[in-house]
Amino acid sequence: MGVINVEGLDFTVADGKKILNKISFKIESGEFIALVGHNGAGKSSLIQHLNGLLKPERGKVSVTGLDPAVTRTSMMAKHIGFLFQNPDHQIFNITVIQEIMAGPKNSGLSPAEAEKKAKSVARTVGLSDKLEENPFALSRGDRQRLAFASVLAMNPEIMILDEPTTGLDFSESREIMEIIDRCNRQGTTIIMITHDMNMVLKYARRVLVLKAGSILADGPVHSVLRNGEILEEAGLLSPGIFQLAHFLKERGLDIQGWSVEELFEAMRKKLGV
């Protein structure tokens, strides 16, 4: 039994539109999964069933052995951390440090312990110099960092991240993704919603592709992202490195690589330089 189990999940909205259709999958502890699909594919509805914001019309959902539909939110929060695409939807305190401290305090840490934890996490995400600032005076990128810090401070077994690098520049995105990757390597299960296939290729180990509320593909990242037919059907672009390899192949240079470095090395060997 996985840390997350979904079996035959159906969900229909009030107007009768089918949003999720017989969704079934299992996620093992420690996996790093990218959940991808075009807008309206059902990604947000699916993850809202994992934290109990939505209840199944039919089917079963289990997270760390708990049924999110009937388990108290406070209990689920001890196991699963959720980062919204818009950080403003989960920021409620008047200073940065109070925002990061809120979760640990509510989970039972003393104010001193919660403050120590908050300062440590703030250093990790690069907010140490803004602890006393009003969150809504921060830049969009820093608010995203703050929302992520609040999730990180709870040390959840599972993190569900909805477009975690929204509002961040390339350097900031890489910093946050390296933190997420480190958490995963330390045992945290990661489910990441993103439209960035380059990010999926670099960090995820497995990809779930949704289309019109159904699972179109589920498999190792390299095999799924190499399947141009699946990506085209899902309305997704292939990673830039694959597009470059295809461009070179059309011009007579047939080389493959999973990164710029690998592609460059393959090109060097092919050309004998």
Protein backbone atom coordinates (compact mmCIF):
# COMPACT_ATOMS: atom_id res chain seq x y z
CA MET A 1 0.00 0.00 0.00
CA GLY A 2 1.39 3.38 -1.02
CA VAL A 3 1.53 6.57 1.01
CA ILE A 4 -1.19 7.86 -1.35
CA ASN A 5 -3.79 5.58 -2.91
CA VAL A 6 -6.50 6.73 -5.31
CA GLU A 7 -8.96 4.18 -6.67
CA GLY A 8 -11.76 4.81 -9.15
CA LEU A 9 -12.07 8.51 -8.29
CA ASP A 10 -14.97 10.32 -9.99
CA PHE A 11 -15.95 13.94 -9.48
CA THR A 12 -18.67 15.97 -11.19
CA VAL A 13 -19.45 19.65 -10.61
CA ALA A 14 -22.93 21.07 -10.05
CA ASP A 15 -23.62 21.74 -13.74
CA GLY A 16 -23.04 18.06 -14.52
CA LYS A 17 -19.59 18.43 -16.07
CA LYS A 18 -17.32 15.47 -15.37
CA ILE A 19 -14.05 16.77 -13.91
CA LEU A 20 -12.40 13.49 -12.85
CA ASN A 21 -13.16 10.16 -14.47
CA LYS A 22 -12.13 6.84 -12.89
CA ILE A 23 -8.76 8.10 -11.66
CA SER A 24 -6.59 5.38 -10.09
CA PHE A 25 -2.94 5.49 -9.05
CA LYS A 26 -0.62 4.75 -6.15
CA ILE A 27 2.28 6.84 -4.87
CA GLU A 28 5.03 5.31 -2.76
CA SER A 29 6.79 7.16 0.04
CA GLY A 30 9.71 9.26 -1.22
CA GLU A 31 8.59 9.60 -4.84
CA PHE A 32 8.93 12.86 -6.78
CA ILE A 33 5.96 13.08 -9.13
CA ALA A 34 5.09 15.76 -11.65
CA LEU A 35 1.37 16.17 -12.31
CA VAL A 36 0.97 17.75 -15.73
CA GLY A 37 -1.77 18.55 -18.19
CA HIS A 38 -3.36 21.43 -20.05
CA ASN A 39 -5.53 23.95 -18.20
CA GLY A 40 -8.80 22.27 -17.28
CA ALA A 41 -7.32 18.76 -17.30
CA GLY A 42 -8.37 18.18 -13.68
CA LYS A 43 -5.07 18.67 -11.86
CA SER A 44 -6.34 21.09 -9.22
CA SER A 45 -9.49 19.05 -8.58
CA LEU A 46 -7.39 15.94 -8.12
CA ILE A 47 -5.05 17.42 -5.53
CA GLN A 48 -7.96 19.00 -3.67
CA HIS A 49 -9.21 15.46 -3.09
CA LEU A 50 -5.86 14.60 -1.52
CA ASN A 51 -6.16 17.25 1.21
CA GLY A 52 -9.90 16.96 1.73
CA LEU A 53 -11.01 20.23 0.14
CA LEU A 54 -13.15 18.17 -2.22
CA LYS A 55 -14.95 14.91 -1.49
CA PRO A 56 -15.19 12.05 -4.02
CA GLU A 57 -18.42 11.47 -5.87
CA ARG A 58 -17.28 7.86 -6.25
CA GLY A 59 -14.07 6.02 -5.47
CA LYS A 60 -11.58 6.01 -2.62
CA VAL A 61 -8.72 8.28 -1.57
CA SER A 62 -6.21 7.39 1.14
CA VAL A 63 -3.31 9.58 2.32
CA THR A 64 -0.94 8.03 4.89
CA GLY A 65 -3.77 5.66 5.72
CA LEU A 66 -6.26 8.47 6.35
CA ASP A 67 -9.38 9.35 4.38
CA PRO A 68 -9.07 13.11 3.66
CA ALA A 69 -12.83 13.42 3.16
CA VAL A 70 -13.57 12.60 6.81
CA THR A 71 -10.31 13.52 8.58
CA ARG A 72 -9.95 16.87 10.34
CA THR A 73 -7.90 19.43 8.43
CA SER A 74 -5.60 19.87 11.45
CA MET A 75 -4.84 16.14 11.39
CA MET A 76 -4.17 16.11 7.64
CA ALA A 77 -1.84 19.11 8.02
CA LYS A 78 0.47 16.97 10.16
CA HIS A 79 1.09 14.72 7.18
CA ILE A 80 0.63 16.80 4.05
CA GLY A 81 1.78 20.32 3.17
CA PHE A 82 0.07 22.21 0.37
CA LEU A 83 1.46 25.17 -1.58
CA PHE A 84 -1.15 27.09 -3.55
CA GLN A 85 -0.30 28.60 -6.92
CA ASN A 86 -1.26 32.02 -5.53
CA PRO A 87 0.62 32.57 -2.24
CA ASP A 88 -1.85 35.26 -1.17
CA HIS A 89 -4.40 32.49 -0.58
CA GLN A 90 -2.39 31.11 2.34
CA ILE A 91 -0.80 34.14 4.01
CA PHE A 92 -2.68 35.44 7.06
CA ASN A 93 -0.23 37.05 9.50
CA ILE A 94 1.16 40.58 9.74
CA THR A 95 4.87 39.73 9.74
CA VAL A 96 6.98 37.20 7.89
CA ILE A 97 8.20 35.48 11.04
CA GLN A 98 4.70 35.20 12.48
CA GLU A 99 3.53 33.61 9.25
CA ILE A 100 6.26 30.95 9.31
CA MET A 101 5.77 30.35 13.06
CA ALA A 102 2.01 29.83 12.80
CA GLY A 103 2.06 26.21 11.69
CA PRO A 104 4.67 24.97 14.18
CA LYS A 105 2.90 26.78 17.04
CA ASN A 106 -0.45 25.28 16.09
CA SER A 107 1.15 21.83 15.98
CA GLY A 108 2.29 22.13 19.59
CA LEU A 109 5.73 23.77 19.59
CA SER A 110 6.40 26.42 22.21
CA PRO A 111 6.73 30.01 20.97
CA ALA A 112 10.51 29.82 21.46
CA GLU A 113 10.77 26.54 19.54
CA ALA A 114 8.50 27.83 16.78
CA GLU A 115 10.57 31.00 16.44
CA LYS A 116 13.79 28.99 16.23
CA LYS A 117 12.25 26.79 13.56
CA ALA A 118 10.92 29.79 11.64
CA LYS A 119 14.30 31.53 11.59
CA SER A 120 16.00 28.38 10.35
CA VAL A 121 13.49 27.95 7.53
CA ALA A 122 13.69 31.66 6.66
CA ARG A 123 17.44 31.26 6.17
CA THR A 124 16.84 28.27 3.93
CA VAL A 125 14.51 30.18 1.59
CA GLY A 126 16.37 33.50 1.73
CA LEU A 127 14.02 35.58 3.87
CA SER A 128 16.19 36.13 6.95
CA ASP A 129 16.46 39.86 6.31
CA LYS A 130 12.68 40.33 6.04
CA LEU A 131 11.36 38.65 9.20
CA GLU A 132 9.58 41.74 10.54
CA GLU A 133 8.15 42.90 7.22
CA ASN A 134 4.48 42.77 6.30
CA PRO A 135 4.04 39.83 3.90
CA PHE A 136 1.84 41.86 1.58
CA ALA A 137 4.58 44.47 1.21
CA LEU A 138 6.86 41.79 -0.24
CA SER A 139 7.40 41.17 -3.92
CA ARG A 140 5.37 38.43 -5.61
CA GLY A 141 8.42 36.19 -5.63
CA ASP A 142 9.13 36.73 -1.93
CA ARG A 143 5.50 35.99 -1.05
CA GLN A 144 5.91 32.71 -2.92
CA ARG A 145 9.05 32.00 -0.88
CA LEU A 146 7.13 32.81 2.31
CA ALA A 147 4.26 30.48 1.46
CA PHE A 148 6.77 27.74 0.71
CA ALA A 149 8.61 28.44 3.97
CA SER A 150 5.36 28.00 5.90
CA VAL A 151 4.91 24.57 4.33
CA LEU A 152 8.55 23.65 4.92
CA ALA A 153 8.35 24.61 8.60
CA MET A 154 5.85 21.81 9.23
CA ASN A 155 8.20 19.05 8.02
CA PRO A 156 5.35 17.26 6.20
CA GLU A 157 5.69 13.70 4.93
CA ILE A 158 4.12 14.83 1.67
CA MET A 159 4.35 18.16 -0.14
CA ILE A 160 1.85 19.09 -2.85
CA LEU A 161 3.20 22.06 -4.77
CA ASP A 162 1.03 23.90 -7.28
CA GLU A 163 3.37 25.77 -9.66
CA PRO A 164 5.97 26.36 -6.89
CA THR A 165 8.14 28.74 -8.93
CA THR A 166 5.36 31.11 -10.02
CA GLY A 167 6.58 34.71 -9.76
CA LEU A 168 10.25 33.74 -9.43
CA ASP A 169 13.03 34.51 -11.88
CA PHE A 170 15.33 31.78 -13.20
CA SER A 171 17.83 32.01 -10.36
CA GLU A 172 15.13 32.11 -7.67
CA SER A 173 13.31 29.20 -9.30
CA ARG A 174 16.44 27.10 -9.29
CA GLU A 175 17.08 27.88 -5.61
CA ILE A 176 13.56 26.82 -4.61
CA MET A 177 13.67 23.69 -6.76
CA GLU A 178 17.00 22.67 -5.24
CA ILE A 179 15.43 22.97 -1.76
CA ILE A 180 12.47 20.87 -2.91
CA ASP A 181 14.83 18.31 -4.45
CA ARG A 182 16.83 18.15 -1.22
CA CYS A 183 13.63 17.55 0.77
CA ASN A 184 12.77 14.72 -1.60
CA ARG A 185 16.20 13.13 -1.25
CA GLN A 186 15.73 13.26 2.51
CA GLY A 187 12.51 11.27 2.18
CA THR A 188 9.69 13.76 1.59
CA THR A 189 7.16 12.69 -1.02
CA ILE A 190 6.71 15.44 -3.62
CA ILE A 191 3.76 15.99 -5.95
CA MET A 192 4.39 19.01 -8.16
CA ILE A 193 1.94 20.59 -10.58
CA THR A 194 3.76 22.48 -13.31
CA HIS A 195 3.61 23.45 -16.97
CA ASP A 196 7.42 23.66 -17.14
CA MET A 197 8.57 20.47 -18.84
CA ASN A 198 12.22 21.46 -18.43
CA MET A 199 11.68 21.47 -14.67
CA VAL A 200 9.88 18.13 -14.86
CA LEU A 201 12.79 16.58 -16.76
CA LYS A 202 15.39 17.89 -14.31
CA TYR A 203 13.71 17.08 -10.99
CA ALA A 204 10.80 14.64 -11.25
CA ARG A 205 11.21 10.87 -11.36
CA ARG A 206 7.68 10.03 -12.50
CA VAL A 207 5.04 11.87 -14.51
CA LEU A 208 1.25 11.68 -14.34
CA VAL A 209 -0.34 13.23 -17.44
CA LEU A 210 -3.99 14.25 -17.19
CA LYS A 211 -6.32 15.02 -20.07
CA ALA A 212 -10.01 15.88 -19.65
CA GLY A 213 -10.12 14.34 -16.18
CA SER A 214 -8.50 11.01 -17.09
CA ILE A 215 -4.95 9.70 -16.79
CA LEU A 216 -3.41 9.79 -20.25
CA ALA A 217 0.01 8.52 -19.15
CA ASP A 218 1.77 7.47 -15.96
CA GLY A 219 5.41 6.43 -15.99
CA PRO A 220 9.09 7.28 -15.59
CA VAL A 221 9.87 10.86 -16.58
CA HIS A 222 12.24 9.98 -19.42
CA SER A 223 9.87 7.58 -21.17
CA VAL A 224 6.82 9.83 -20.86
CA LEU A 225 8.56 13.02 -21.98
CA ARG A 226 10.13 11.21 -24.93
CA ASN A 227 6.66 10.31 -26.20
CA GLY A 228 5.78 13.20 -28.47
CA GLU A 229 2.34 11.79 -29.28
CA ILE A 230 1.32 11.81 -25.62
CA LEU A 231 2.60 15.34 -25.07
CA GLU A 232 0.86 16.60 -28.19
CA GLU A 233 -2.42 14.93 -27.20
CA ALA A 234 -2.15 16.51 -23.74
CA GLY A 235 -1.40 19.94 -25.22
CA LEU A 236 2.10 20.07 -23.71
CA LEU A 237 5.44 21.12 -25.14
CA SER A 238 8.40 18.76 -24.95
CA PRO A 239 11.43 19.88 -22.90
CA GLY A 240 13.71 22.36 -24.62
CA ILE A 241 16.60 19.91 -24.79
CA PHE A 242 14.43 17.47 -26.76
CA GLN A 243 13.32 20.24 -29.10
CA LEU A 244 16.96 21.12 -29.69
CA ALA A 245 17.86 17.48 -30.38
CA HIS A 246 14.98 17.26 -32.86
CA PHE A 247 16.14 20.48 -34.54
CA LEU A 248 19.66 19.07 -34.93
CA LYS A 249 18.35 15.72 -36.20
CA GLU A 250 16.39 17.45 -38.96
CA ARG A 251 19.69 18.98 -40.04
CA GLY A 252 21.57 15.70 -40.12
CA LEU A 253 23.04 15.56 -36.62
CA ASP A 254 21.31 12.69 -34.81
CA ILE A 255 22.35 12.95 -31.15
CA GLN A 256 20.52 12.47 -27.86
CA GLY A 257 20.90 13.79 -24.33
CA TRP A 258 18.90 14.41 -21.18
CA SER A 259 20.66 17.70 -20.41
CA VAL A 260 22.61 20.43 -22.19
CA GLU A 261 25.82 18.86 -20.88
CA GLU A 262 24.93 15.41 -22.22
CA LEU A 263 23.86 16.82 -25.56
CA PHE A 264 27.06 18.84 -25.85
CA GLU A 265 29.18 15.78 -25.04
CA ALA A 266 27.28 13.67 -27.59
CA MET A 267 27.79 16.40 -30.19
CA ARG A 268 31.50 16.60 -29.38
CA LYS A 269 31.92 12.85 -29.85
CA LYS A 270 29.82 12.82 -33.02
CA LEU A 271 31.93 15.57 -34.56
CA GLY A 272 35.19 14.10 -33.27
CA VAL A 273 36.33 17.24 -31.49
